[in-house]
Amino acid sequence: MIVHGSALLSSAPMLTVATVQDTAGKVAYVPKVGGPPDSSGYMWAGYAIVAVTYGGYIVLLLRRMARAKRGR
């Protein structure tokens, strides 16, 4: 028995379940004009961790360059 592909595709919309969208509730994400999308404490903590990590890496590189310049 050979089944044509269009016969299978025509039943696809019946198999999907439509979800009701509640627009009265709070929206999950609304992009702001400029700046980061979220300014919560977690976002600032992430910025602080990145700044400390990059700063530590730069200090480490400068110390290694100074040590190499002295000939150790």
PDB file of N, CA and C in Angstrom:
ATOM      1  N   MET A   1       0.847  -1.183   0.000  1.00  0.00           N
ATOM      2  CA  MET A   1       0.000   0.000   0.000  1.00  0.00           C
ATOM      3  C   MET A   1       0.890   1.243   0.000  1.00  0.00           C
ATOM      4  N   ILE A   2       0.658   2.121  -0.919  1.00  0.00           N
ATOM      5  CA  ILE A   2       1.434   3.352  -1.043  1.00  0.00           C
ATOM      6  C   ILE A   2       0.568   4.514  -0.577  1.00  0.00           C
ATOM      7  N   VAL A   3       1.096   5.291   0.370  1.00  0.00           N
ATOM      8  CA  VAL A   3       0.372   6.446   0.899  1.00  0.00           C
ATOM      9  C   VAL A   3       1.044   7.701   0.379  1.00  0.00           C
ATOM     10  N   HIS A   4       0.262   8.562  -0.182  1.00  0.00           N
ATOM     11  CA  HIS A   4       0.801   9.805  -0.726  1.00  0.00           C
ATOM     12  C   HIS A   4       1.175  10.744   0.423  1.00  0.00           C
ATOM     13  N   GLY A   5       2.258  11.509   0.254  1.00  0.00           N
ATOM     14  CA  GLY A   5       2.748  12.404   1.297  1.00  0.00           C
ATOM     15  C   GLY A   5       1.755  13.473   1.696  1.00  0.00           C
ATOM     16  N   SER A   6       0.948  13.948   0.759  1.00  0.00           N
ATOM     17  CA  SER A   6      -0.010  15.003   1.088  1.00  0.00           C
ATOM     18  C   SER A   6      -1.101  14.498   2.020  1.00  0.00           C
ATOM     19  N   ALA A   7      -1.367  13.203   2.005  1.00  0.00           N
ATOM     20  CA  ALA A   7      -2.372  12.647   2.918  1.00  0.00           C
ATOM     21  C   ALA A   7      -1.885  12.726   4.358  1.00  0.00           C
ATOM     22  N   LEU A   8      -0.586  12.561   4.555  1.00  0.00           N
ATOM     23  CA  LEU A   8      -0.033  12.651   5.905  1.00  0.00           C
ATOM     24  C   LEU A   8       0.048  14.097   6.378  1.00  0.00           C
ATOM     25  N   LEU A   9       0.370  14.992   5.465  1.00  0.00           N
ATOM     26  CA  LEU A   9       0.518  16.393   5.843  1.00  0.00           C
ATOM     27  C   LEU A   9      -0.821  17.065   6.118  1.00  0.00           C
ATOM     28  N   SER A  10      -1.884  16.588   5.505  1.00  0.00           N
ATOM     29  CA  SER A  10      -3.177  17.236   5.719  1.00  0.00           C
ATOM     30  C   SER A  10      -3.704  17.005   7.130  1.00  0.00           C
ATOM     31  N   SER A  11      -3.248  15.941   7.804  1.00  0.00           N
ATOM     32  CA  SER A  11      -3.717  15.672   9.163  1.00  0.00           C
ATOM     33  C   SER A  11      -2.853  16.355  10.220  1.00  0.00           C
ATOM     34  N   ALA A  12      -1.754  16.973   9.820  1.00  0.00           N
ATOM     35  CA  ALA A  12      -0.839  17.595  10.778  1.00  0.00           C
ATOM     36  C   ALA A  12      -1.485  18.717  11.586  1.00  0.00           C
ATOM     37  N   PRO A  13      -2.295  19.611  11.008  1.00  0.00           N
ATOM     38  CA  PRO A  13      -2.900  20.669  11.833  1.00  0.00           C
ATOM     39  C   PRO A  13      -3.845  20.138  12.903  1.00  0.00           C
ATOM     40  N   MET A  14      -4.462  19.000  12.671  1.00  0.00           N
ATOM     41  CA  MET A  14      -5.377  18.446  13.662  1.00  0.00           C
ATOM     42  C   MET A  14      -4.628  17.872  14.859  1.00  0.00           C
ATOM     43  N   LEU A  15      -3.365  17.517  14.663  1.00  0.00           N
ATOM     44  CA  LEU A  15      -2.597  16.901  15.735  1.00  0.00           C
ATOM     45  C   LEU A  15      -1.957  17.926  16.664  1.00  0.00           C
ATOM     46  N   THR A  16      -1.939  19.184  16.271  1.00  0.00           N
ATOM     47  CA  THR A  16      -1.326  20.209  17.111  1.00  0.00           C
ATOM     48  C   THR A  16      -2.344  20.760  18.094  1.00  0.00           C
ATOM     49  N   VAL A  17      -1.863  21.138  19.253  1.00  0.00           N
ATOM     50  CA  VAL A  17      -2.728  21.692  20.290  1.00  0.00           C
ATOM     51  C   VAL A  17      -2.469  23.189  20.366  1.00  0.00           C
ATOM     52  N   ALA A  18      -3.514  23.961  20.214  1.00  0.00           N
ATOM     53  CA  ALA A  18      -3.378  25.411  20.278  1.00  0.00           C
ATOM     54  C   ALA A  18      -3.297  25.848  21.736  1.00  0.00           C
ATOM     55  N   THR A  19      -2.378  26.760  22.017  1.00  0.00           N
ATOM     56  CA  THR A  19      -2.253  27.290  23.372  1.00  0.00           C
ATOM     57  C   THR A  19      -2.906  28.663  23.431  1.00  0.00           C
ATOM     58  N   VAL A  20      -3.580  28.926  24.508  1.00  0.00           N
ATOM     59  CA  VAL A  20      -4.241  30.212  24.697  1.00  0.00           C
ATOM     60  C   VAL A  20      -3.223  31.202  25.245  1.00  0.00           C
ATOM     61  N   GLN A  21      -3.138  32.356  24.629  1.00  0.00           N
ATOM     62  CA  GLN A  21      -2.203  33.372  25.081  1.00  0.00           C
ATOM     63  C   GLN A  21      -2.919  34.341  26.005  1.00  0.00           C
ATOM     64  N   ASP A  22      -2.366  34.494  27.189  1.00  0.00           N
ATOM     65  CA  ASP A  22      -2.943  35.405  28.171  1.00  0.00           C
ATOM     66  C   ASP A  22      -2.192  36.722  28.094  1.00  0.00           C
ATOM     67  N   THR A  23      -2.813  37.715  27.514  1.00  0.00           N
ATOM     68  CA  THR A  23      -2.147  39.013  27.377  1.00  0.00           C
ATOM     69  C   THR A  23      -2.410  39.914  28.568  1.00  0.00           C
ATOM     70  N   ALA A  24      -3.264  39.487  29.490  1.00  0.00           N
ATOM     71  CA  ALA A  24      -3.561  40.317  30.652  1.00  0.00           C
ATOM     72  C   ALA A  24      -2.472  40.201  31.710  1.00  0.00           C
ATOM     73  N   GLY A  25      -1.723  39.100  31.696  1.00  0.00           N
ATOM     74  CA  GLY A  25      -0.675  38.890  32.685  1.00  0.00           C
ATOM     75  C   GLY A  25       0.581  39.659  32.352  1.00  0.00           C
ATOM     76  N   LYS A  26       1.587  39.514  33.201  1.00  0.00           N
ATOM     77  CA  LYS A  26       2.857  40.198  33.001  1.00  0.00           C
ATOM     78  C   LYS A  26       3.620  39.540  31.858  1.00  0.00           C
ATOM     79  N   VAL A  27       4.196  40.342  31.006  1.00  0.00           N
ATOM     80  CA  VAL A  27       4.966  39.838  29.877  1.00  0.00           C
ATOM     81  C   VAL A  27       6.325  39.380  30.389  1.00  0.00           C
ATOM     82  N   ALA A  28       6.807  38.258  29.855  1.00  0.00           N
ATOM     83  CA  ALA A  28       8.056  37.680  30.338  1.00  0.00           C
ATOM     84  C   ALA A  28       9.254  38.577  30.036  1.00  0.00           C
ATOM     85  N   TYR A  29       9.322  39.163  28.868  1.00  0.00           N
ATOM     86  CA  TYR A  29      10.489  39.969  28.493  1.00  0.00           C
ATOM     87  C   TYR A  29      10.044  41.102  27.585  1.00  0.00           C
ATOM     88  N   VAL A  30      10.399  42.294  27.962  1.00  0.00           N
ATOM     89  CA  VAL A  30      10.141  43.463  27.128  1.00  0.00           C
ATOM     90  C   VAL A  30      11.467  44.180  26.956  1.00  0.00           C
ATOM     91  N   PRO A  31      11.986  44.266  25.731  1.00  0.00           N
ATOM     92  CA  PRO A  31      13.270  44.937  25.542  1.00  0.00           C
ATOM     93  C   PRO A  31      13.161  46.426  25.837  1.00  0.00           C
ATOM     94  N   LYS A  32      14.173  46.955  26.493  1.00  0.00           N
ATOM     95  CA  LYS A  32      14.209  48.382  26.795  1.00  0.00           C
ATOM     96  C   LYS A  32      14.986  49.108  25.701  1.00  0.00           C
ATOM     97  N   VAL A  33      14.791  50.389  25.628  1.00  0.00           N
ATOM     98  CA  VAL A  33      15.511  51.187  24.653  1.00  0.00           C
ATOM     99  C   VAL A  33      16.896  51.461  25.208  1.00  0.00           C
ATOM    100  N   GLY A  34      17.906  50.846  24.642  1.00  0.00           N
ATOM    101  CA  GLY A  34      19.280  51.039  25.084  1.00  0.00           C
ATOM    102  C   GLY A  34      19.555  50.381  26.417  1.00  0.00           C
ATOM    103  N   GLY A  35      20.792  50.023  26.645  1.00  0.00           N
ATOM    104  CA  GLY A  35      21.185  49.426  27.912  1.00  0.00           C
ATOM    105  C   GLY A  35      20.830  47.953  27.987  1.00  0.00           C
ATOM    106  N   PRO A  36      21.232  47.327  29.078  1.00  0.00           N
ATOM    107  CA  PRO A  36      20.945  45.899  29.217  1.00  0.00           C
ATOM    108  C   PRO A  36      19.450  45.662  29.437  1.00  0.00           C
ATOM    109  N   PRO A  37      18.954  44.509  29.057  1.00  0.00           N
ATOM    110  CA  PRO A  37      17.530  44.255  29.221  1.00  0.00           C
ATOM    111  C   PRO A  37      17.109  44.080  30.671  1.00  0.00           C
ATOM    112  N   ASP A  38      18.062  43.762  31.552  1.00  0.00           N
ATOM    113  CA  ASP A  38      17.721  43.518  32.949  1.00  0.00           C
ATOM    114  C   ASP A  38      18.761  44.200  33.825  1.00  0.00           C
ATOM    115  N   SER A  39      18.336  44.935  34.838  1.00  0.00           N
ATOM    116  CA  SER A  39      19.281  45.606  35.730  1.00  0.00           C
ATOM    117  C   SER A  39      19.149  45.067  37.147  1.00  0.00           C
ATOM    118  N   SER A  40      18.785  43.810  37.275  1.00  0.00           N
ATOM    119  CA  SER A  40      18.613  43.220  38.598  1.00  0.00           C
ATOM    120  C   SER A  40      19.967  42.964  39.252  1.00  0.00           C
ATOM    121  N   GLY A  41      19.938  42.537  40.495  1.00  0.00           N
ATOM    122  CA  GLY A  41      21.169  42.253  41.226  1.00  0.00           C
ATOM    123  C   GLY A  41      21.996  41.158  40.587  1.00  0.00           C
ATOM    124  N   TYR A  42      21.331  40.177  39.991  1.00  0.00           N
ATOM    125  CA  TYR A  42      22.068  39.095  39.337  1.00  0.00           C
ATOM    126  C   TYR A  42      22.865  39.612  38.148  1.00  0.00           C
ATOM    127  N   MET A  43      22.289  40.562  37.420  1.00  0.00           N
ATOM    128  CA  MET A  43      22.984  41.130  36.268  1.00  0.00           C
ATOM    129  C   MET A  43      24.220  41.897  36.725  1.00  0.00           C
ATOM    130  N   TRP A  44      24.060  42.709  37.780  1.00  0.00           N
ATOM    131  CA  TRP A  44      25.199  43.478  38.280  1.00  0.00           C
ATOM    132  C   TRP A  44      26.251  42.558  38.887  1.00  0.00           C
ATOM    133  N   ALA A  45      25.838  41.471  39.527  1.00  0.00           N
ATOM    134  CA  ALA A  45      26.801  40.503  40.059  1.00  0.00           C
ATOM    135  C   ALA A  45      27.593  39.871  38.923  1.00  0.00           C
ATOM    136  N   GLY A  46      26.935  39.586  37.827  1.00  0.00           N
ATOM    137  CA  GLY A  46      27.633  39.041  36.659  1.00  0.00           C
ATOM    138  C   GLY A  46      28.639  40.026  36.102  1.00  0.00           C
ATOM    139  N   TYR A  47      28.241  41.305  36.021  1.00  0.00           N
ATOM    140  CA  TYR A  47      29.183  42.330  35.557  1.00  0.00           C
ATOM    141  C   TYR A  47      30.390  42.421  36.487  1.00  0.00           C
ATOM    142  N   ALA A  48      30.160  42.356  37.793  1.00  0.00           N
ATOM    143  CA  ALA A  48      31.255  42.453  38.760  1.00  0.00           C
ATOM    144  C   ALA A  48      32.203  41.271  38.626  1.00  0.00           C
ATOM    145  N   ILE A  49      31.661  40.076  38.458  1.00  0.00           N
ATOM    146  CA  ILE A  49      32.510  38.887  38.306  1.00  0.00           C
ATOM    147  C   ILE A  49      33.368  38.996  37.055  1.00  0.00           C
ATOM    148  N   VAL A  50      32.776  39.442  35.961  1.00  0.00           N
ATOM    149  CA  VAL A  50      33.535  39.590  34.712  1.00  0.00           C
ATOM    150  C   VAL A  50      34.611  40.658  34.863  1.00  0.00           C
ATOM    151  N   ALA A  51      34.284  41.786  35.497  1.00  0.00           N
ATOM    152  CA  ALA A  51      35.263  42.861  35.672  1.00  0.00           C
ATOM    153  C   ALA A  51      36.425  42.408  36.542  1.00  0.00           C
ATOM    154  N   VAL A  52      36.142  41.702  37.638  1.00  0.00           N
ATOM    155  CA  VAL A  52      37.209  41.217  38.520  1.00  0.00           C
ATOM    156  C   VAL A  52      38.061  40.181  37.801  1.00  0.00           C
ATOM    157  N   THR A  53      37.430  39.302  37.031  1.00  0.00           N
ATOM    158  CA  THR A  53      38.184  38.278  36.300  1.00  0.00           C
ATOM    159  C   THR A  53      39.112  38.910  35.274  1.00  0.00           C
ATOM    160  N   TYR A  54      38.591  39.830  34.465  1.00  0.00           N
ATOM    161  CA  TYR A  54      39.433  40.497  33.468  1.00  0.00           C
ATOM    162  C   TYR A  54      40.523  41.333  34.129  1.00  0.00           C
ATOM    163  N   GLY A  55      40.174  42.032  35.201  1.00  0.00           N
ATOM    164  CA  GLY A  55      41.176  42.832  35.909  1.00  0.00           C
ATOM    165  C   GLY A  55      42.285  41.965  36.478  1.00  0.00           C
ATOM    166  N   GLY A  56      41.926  40.834  37.073  1.00  0.00           N
ATOM    167  CA  GLY A  56      42.930  39.910  37.601  1.00  0.00           C
ATOM    168  C   GLY A  56      43.817  39.355  36.511  1.00  0.00           C
ATOM    169  N   TYR A  57      43.234  39.070  35.363  1.00  0.00           N
ATOM    170  CA  TYR A  57      44.019  38.552  34.244  1.00  0.00           C
ATOM    171  C   TYR A  57      45.008  39.595  33.741  1.00  0.00           C
ATOM    172  N   ILE A  58      44.585  40.840  33.657  1.00  0.00           N
ATOM    173  CA  ILE A  58      45.480  41.909  33.207  1.00  0.00           C
ATOM    174  C   ILE A  58      46.614  42.103  34.204  1.00  0.00           C
ATOM    175  N   VAL A  59      46.298  42.085  35.509  1.00  0.00           N
ATOM    176  CA  VAL A  59      47.343  42.216  36.531  1.00  0.00           C
ATOM    177  C   VAL A  59      48.327  41.063  36.430  1.00  0.00           C
ATOM    178  N   LEU A  60      47.829  39.849  36.235  1.00  0.00           N
ATOM    179  CA  LEU A  60      48.707  38.686  36.093  1.00  0.00           C
ATOM    180  C   LEU A  60      49.639  38.838  34.897  1.00  0.00           C
ATOM    181  N   LEU A  61      49.104  39.301  33.772  1.00  0.00           N
ATOM    182  CA  LEU A  61      49.946  39.498  32.594  1.00  0.00           C
ATOM    183  C   LEU A  61      50.994  40.579  32.827  1.00  0.00           C
ATOM    184  N   LEU A  62      50.609  41.673  33.486  1.00  0.00           N
ATOM    185  CA  LEU A  62      51.576  42.737  33.752  1.00  0.00           C
ATOM    186  C   LEU A  62      52.681  42.259  34.685  1.00  0.00           C
ATOM    187  N   ARG A  63      52.328  41.457  35.695  1.00  0.00           N
ATOM    188  CA  ARG A  63      53.345  40.920  36.606  1.00  0.00           C
ATOM    189  C   ARG A  63      54.290  39.982  35.875  1.00  0.00           C
ATOM    190  N   ARG A  64      53.757  39.156  34.985  1.00  0.00           N
ATOM    191  CA  ARG A  64      54.621  38.249  34.219  1.00  0.00           C
ATOM    192  C   ARG A  64      55.533  39.021  33.278  1.00  0.00           C
ATOM    193  N   MET A  65      55.012  40.083  32.678  1.00  0.00           N
ATOM    194  CA  MET A  65      55.851  40.888  31.791  1.00  0.00           C
ATOM    195  C   MET A  65      56.961  41.574  32.579  1.00  0.00           C
ATOM    196  N   ALA A  66      56.648  42.077  33.772  1.00  0.00           N
ATOM    197  CA  ALA A  66      57.660  42.732  34.599  1.00  0.00           C
ATOM    198  C   ALA A  66      58.714  41.726  35.051  1.00  0.00           C
ATOM    199  N   ARG A  67      58.283  40.520  35.417  1.00  0.00           N
ATOM    200  CA  ARG A  67      59.225  39.486  35.844  1.00  0.00           C
ATOM    201  C   ARG A  67      60.139  39.079  34.689  1.00  0.00           C
ATOM    202  N   ALA A  68      59.598  38.976  33.479  1.00  0.00           N
ATOM    203  CA  ALA A  68      60.408  38.611  32.313  1.00  0.00           C
ATOM    204  C   ALA A  68      61.391  39.725  31.972  1.00  0.00           C
ATOM    205  N   LYS A  69      60.992  40.971  32.210  1.00  0.00           N
ATOM    206  CA  LYS A  69      61.868  42.102  31.920  1.00  0.00           C
ATOM    207  C   LYS A  69      63.055  42.137  32.884  1.00  0.00           C
ATOM    208  N   ARG A  70      62.809  41.732  34.143  1.00  0.00           N
ATOM    209  CA  ARG A  70      63.892  41.705  35.132  1.00  0.00           C
ATOM    210  C   ARG A  70      64.841  40.540  34.901  1.00  0.00           C
ATOM    211  N   GLY A  71      64.430  39.564  34.124  1.00  0.00           N
ATOM    212  CA  GLY A  71      65.313  38.450  33.805  1.00  0.00           C
ATOM    213  C   GLY A  71      65.170  37.250  34.714  1.00  0.00           C
ATOM    214  N   ARG A  72      64.100  37.117  35.430  1.00  0.00           N
ATOM    215  CA  ARG A  72      63.900  35.944  36.289  1.00  0.00           C
ATOM    216  C   ARG A  72      63.409  34.776  35.508  1.00  0.00           C
TER     217      ARG A  72
END
